Amino acid sequence: MKLYHRTSIRALYGDVDSMRQAYYGNYLRWFEVGRAEYMRSRGLPYAKIEEQGYHLPVSEVYCKYLKPVRYDELIYVESRPEQVRRASARFAYRLLDVDENAICYGYTLHVCLDREGKIVRMPPFLMDILRD
């Protein structure tokens, strides 16, 4: 099984609501941070994928919330590809607190599109990074 890539994030004041808990949509943004840092750590920032004429929009998302993130809390985002197919990739995520307790887990499913927005086979340079 592929190991998770870990990055840390601190919940900002703008991330929380009047109860000082993170707004639920921010968890998906933190998934995006984790995914971007995973790709960057493998030498392929998303901008390079676009330069080659490909896009990976989210076509499906799932998030199971287990406990809230509070203002100024440090969290860890763990990300990894868990399913890579001909024209799609699914990333798995875990958010953990500093004591390694689970905050939430989930996934995003991405389809591979060309410049015209047509679903295409994932190019070898991208497949290699995701299956590494």
C-alpha atoms as a PDB file:
ATOM      1  CA  MET A   1       0.000   0.000   0.000  1.00  0.00           C
ATOM      2  CA  LYS A   2       1.226   3.465  -0.903  1.00  0.00           C
ATOM      3  CA  LEU A   3       2.191   5.699   2.012  1.00  0.00           C
ATOM      4  CA  TYR A   4       0.402   8.946   2.715  1.00  0.00           C
ATOM      5  CA  HIS A   5       2.149  12.259   2.104  1.00  0.00           C
ATOM      6  CA  ARG A   6       1.762  14.548   5.132  1.00  0.00           C
ATOM      7  CA  THR A   7       1.547  18.316   5.304  1.00  0.00           C
ATOM      8  CA  SER A   8       0.504  20.570   8.175  1.00  0.00           C
ATOM      9  CA  ILE A   9      -2.041  23.385   8.236  1.00  0.00           C
ATOM     10  CA  ARG A  10      -3.155  25.729  11.002  1.00  0.00           C
ATOM     11  CA  ALA A  11      -6.839  26.694  11.092  1.00  0.00           C
ATOM     12  CA  LEU A  12      -7.078  30.445  10.566  1.00  0.00           C
ATOM     13  CA  TYR A  13      -9.728  32.751  11.941  1.00  0.00           C
ATOM     14  CA  GLY A  14     -11.245  32.967   8.455  1.00  0.00           C
ATOM     15  CA  ASP A  15     -11.641  29.160   8.415  1.00  0.00           C
ATOM     16  CA  VAL A  16     -14.029  29.055  11.376  1.00  0.00           C
ATOM     17  CA  ASP A  17     -17.619  30.059  12.038  1.00  0.00           C
ATOM     18  CA  SER A  18     -19.158  31.851  15.037  1.00  0.00           C
ATOM     19  CA  MET A  19     -18.745  28.653  17.105  1.00  0.00           C
ATOM     20  CA  ARG A  20     -14.996  28.803  16.322  1.00  0.00           C
ATOM     21  CA  GLN A  21     -15.260  25.501  14.457  1.00  0.00           C
ATOM     22  CA  ALA A  22     -14.034  25.079  10.906  1.00  0.00           C
ATOM     23  CA  TYR A  23     -16.690  25.514   8.249  1.00  0.00           C
ATOM     24  CA  TYR A  24     -17.380  22.121   6.657  1.00  0.00           C
ATOM     25  CA  GLY A  25     -16.334  23.234   3.159  1.00  0.00           C
ATOM     26  CA  ASN A  26     -12.823  24.040   4.375  1.00  0.00           C
ATOM     27  CA  TYR A  27     -12.129  20.343   4.877  1.00  0.00           C
ATOM     28  CA  LEU A  28     -12.379  19.917   1.100  1.00  0.00           C
ATOM     29  CA  ARG A  29      -9.996  22.840   0.605  1.00  0.00           C
ATOM     30  CA  TRP A  30      -7.575  21.116   2.977  1.00  0.00           C
ATOM     31  CA  PHE A  31      -7.922  17.951   0.872  1.00  0.00           C
ATOM     32  CA  GLU A  32      -6.867  20.087  -2.101  1.00  0.00           C
ATOM     33  CA  VAL A  33      -3.829  21.403  -0.219  1.00  0.00           C
ATOM     34  CA  GLY A  34      -2.840  17.842   0.627  1.00  0.00           C
ATOM     35  CA  ARG A  35      -3.270  16.673  -2.976  1.00  0.00           C
ATOM     36  CA  ALA A  36      -1.296  19.619  -4.358  1.00  0.00           C
ATOM     37  CA  GLU A  37       1.547  19.024  -1.902  1.00  0.00           C
ATOM     38  CA  TYR A  38       1.554  15.310  -2.709  1.00  0.00           C
ATOM     39  CA  MET A  39       2.010  16.111  -6.415  1.00  0.00           C
ATOM     40  CA  ARG A  40       4.592  18.836  -5.712  1.00  0.00           C
ATOM     41  CA  SER A  41       6.612  16.411  -3.545  1.00  0.00           C
ATOM     42  CA  ARG A  42       6.868  14.144  -6.589  1.00  0.00           C
ATOM     43  CA  GLY A  43       8.114  16.932  -8.833  1.00  0.00           C
ATOM     44  CA  LEU A  44       4.857  17.555 -10.663  1.00  0.00           C
ATOM     45  CA  PRO A  45       2.981  20.641  -9.460  1.00  0.00           C
ATOM     46  CA  TYR A  46      -0.478  21.001 -10.968  1.00  0.00           C
ATOM     47  CA  ALA A  47       0.655  23.936 -13.129  1.00  0.00           C
ATOM     48  CA  LYS A  48       2.978  21.560 -15.017  1.00  0.00           C
ATOM     49  CA  ILE A  49       0.064  19.219 -15.727  1.00  0.00           C
ATOM     50  CA  GLU A  50      -1.866  22.140 -17.223  1.00  0.00           C
ATOM     51  CA  GLU A  51       1.175  23.217 -19.249  1.00  0.00           C
ATOM     52  CA  GLN A  52       1.095  19.769 -20.876  1.00  0.00           C
ATOM     53  CA  GLY A  53      -2.562  20.318 -21.824  1.00  0.00           C
ATOM     54  CA  TYR A  54      -4.332  18.256 -19.163  1.00  0.00           C
ATOM     55  CA  HIS A  55      -6.744  18.997 -16.332  1.00  0.00           C
ATOM     56  CA  LEU A  56      -7.919  16.866 -13.405  1.00  0.00           C
ATOM     57  CA  PRO A  57     -11.253  18.266 -12.200  1.00  0.00           C
ATOM     58  CA  VAL A  58     -13.047  16.681  -9.260  1.00  0.00           C
ATOM     59  CA  SER A  59     -16.003  14.565 -10.368  1.00  0.00           C
ATOM     60  CA  GLU A  60     -16.892  13.087  -6.974  1.00  0.00           C
ATOM     61  CA  VAL A  61     -16.080  13.837  -3.346  1.00  0.00           C
ATOM     62  CA  TYR A  62     -16.707  12.157  -0.003  1.00  0.00           C
ATOM     63  CA  CYS A  63     -15.879  13.342   3.507  1.00  0.00           C
ATOM     64  CA  LYS A  64     -16.699  11.662   6.821  1.00  0.00           C
ATOM     65  CA  TYR A  65     -16.435  14.211   9.637  1.00  0.00           C
ATOM     66  CA  LEU A  66     -15.399  12.754  12.991  1.00  0.00           C
ATOM     67  CA  LYS A  67     -14.561  15.801  15.124  1.00  0.00           C
ATOM     68  CA  PRO A  68     -14.357  19.555  14.556  1.00  0.00           C
ATOM     69  CA  VAL A  69     -11.248  21.581  13.839  1.00  0.00           C
ATOM     70  CA  ARG A  70     -11.083  24.689  16.000  1.00  0.00           C
ATOM     71  CA  TYR A  71      -9.510  28.097  15.468  1.00  0.00           C
ATOM     72  CA  ASP A  72      -5.682  28.060  15.633  1.00  0.00           C
ATOM     73  CA  GLU A  73      -5.538  24.247  15.754  1.00  0.00           C
ATOM     74  CA  LEU A  74      -2.638  22.600  13.948  1.00  0.00           C
ATOM     75  CA  ILE A  75      -3.753  19.690  11.783  1.00  0.00           C
ATOM     76  CA  TYR A  76      -2.055  17.212   9.495  1.00  0.00           C
ATOM     77  CA  VAL A  77      -3.400  16.438   6.050  1.00  0.00           C
ATOM     78  CA  GLU A  78      -2.396  13.049   4.710  1.00  0.00           C
ATOM     79  CA  SER A  79      -2.967  12.354   1.004  1.00  0.00           C
ATOM     80  CA  ARG A  80      -2.267   9.604  -1.492  1.00  0.00           C
ATOM     81  CA  PRO A  81      -3.626   8.220  -4.751  1.00  0.00           C
ATOM     82  CA  GLU A  82      -5.463   4.995  -4.007  1.00  0.00           C
ATOM     83  CA  GLN A  83      -6.961   4.099  -7.387  1.00  0.00           C
ATOM     84  CA  VAL A  84      -5.448   5.045 -10.715  1.00  0.00           C
ATOM     85  CA  ARG A  85      -7.322   4.053 -13.855  1.00  0.00           C
ATOM     86  CA  ARG A  86      -6.959   4.841 -17.546  1.00  0.00           C
ATOM     87  CA  ALA A  87      -8.797   8.175 -17.373  1.00  0.00           C
ATOM     88  CA  SER A  88      -9.253   8.833 -13.643  1.00  0.00           C
ATOM     89  CA  ALA A  89      -7.525   8.870 -10.289  1.00  0.00           C
ATOM     90  CA  ARG A  90      -8.955   8.695  -6.788  1.00  0.00           C
ATOM     91  CA  PHE A  91      -7.091  10.368  -3.905  1.00  0.00           C
ATOM     92  CA  ALA A  92      -7.598   9.320  -0.292  1.00  0.00           C
ATOM     93  CA  TYR A  93      -7.243  11.769   2.601  1.00  0.00           C
ATOM     94  CA  ARG A  94      -7.004  11.736   6.371  1.00  0.00           C
ATOM     95  CA  LEU A  95      -6.972  14.787   8.624  1.00  0.00           C
ATOM     96  CA  LEU A  96      -5.348  14.243  12.008  1.00  0.00           C
ATOM     97  CA  ASP A  97      -4.846  16.381  15.086  1.00  0.00           C
ATOM     98  CA  VAL A  98      -1.424  16.765  16.729  1.00  0.00           C
ATOM     99  CA  ASP A  99      -2.132  13.708  18.901  1.00  0.00           C
ATOM    100  CA  GLU A 100      -2.747  11.649  15.738  1.00  0.00           C
ATOM    101  CA  ASN A 101      -6.500  11.413  16.380  1.00  0.00           C
ATOM    102  CA  ALA A 102      -8.639  11.248  13.249  1.00  0.00           C
ATOM    103  CA  ILE A 103     -10.557  14.416  12.420  1.00  0.00           C
ATOM    104  CA  CYS A 104     -12.039  13.215   9.133  1.00  0.00           C
ATOM    105  CA  TYR A 105     -11.317  11.014   6.173  1.00  0.00           C
ATOM    106  CA  GLY A 106     -12.472  11.006   2.590  1.00  0.00           C
ATOM    107  CA  TYR A 107     -11.615  10.958  -1.072  1.00  0.00           C
ATOM    108  CA  THR A 108     -11.817  12.900  -4.314  1.00  0.00           C
ATOM    109  CA  LEU A 109     -12.216  11.332  -7.744  1.00  0.00           C
ATOM    110  CA  HIS A 110     -10.613  13.159 -10.678  1.00  0.00           C
ATOM    111  CA  VAL A 111     -11.132  12.658 -14.394  1.00  0.00           C
ATOM    112  CA  CYS A 112      -8.428  13.435 -16.922  1.00  0.00           C
ATOM    113  CA  LEU A 113      -9.450  16.054 -19.507  1.00  0.00           C
ATOM    114  CA  ASP A 114      -7.641  17.508 -22.493  1.00  0.00           C
ATOM    115  CA  ARG A 115      -7.588  21.226 -23.384  1.00  0.00           C
ATOM    116  CA  GLU A 116     -10.997  20.943 -25.040  1.00  0.00           C
ATOM    117  CA  GLY A 117     -12.569  19.373 -21.948  1.00  0.00           C
ATOM    118  CA  LYS A 118     -12.829  15.864 -23.419  1.00  0.00           C
ATOM    119  CA  ILE A 119     -12.173  12.859 -21.180  1.00  0.00           C
ATOM    120  CA  VAL A 120      -8.894  11.259 -22.288  1.00  0.00           C
ATOM    121  CA  ARG A 121      -6.495   8.534 -21.250  1.00  0.00           C
ATOM    122  CA  MET A 122      -4.078   9.717 -18.589  1.00  0.00           C
ATOM    123  CA  PRO A 123      -0.672  10.497 -20.132  1.00  0.00           C
ATOM    124  CA  PRO A 124       2.298   8.310 -19.116  1.00  0.00           C
ATOM    125  CA  PHE A 125       4.109  11.153 -17.267  1.00  0.00           C
ATOM    126  CA  LEU A 126       1.085  11.565 -14.984  1.00  0.00           C
ATOM    127  CA  MET A 127       0.363   7.855 -14.645  1.00  0.00           C
ATOM    128  CA  ASP A 128       3.969   7.278 -13.539  1.00  0.00           C
ATOM    129  CA  ILE A 129       3.706   9.879 -10.749  1.00  0.00           C
ATOM    130  CA  LEU A 130       0.352   8.617  -9.495  1.00  0.00           C
ATOM    131  CA  ARG A 131       1.380   4.959  -9.499  1.00  0.00           C
ATOM    132  CA  ASP A 132       4.847   5.622  -8.015  1.00  0.00           C
END
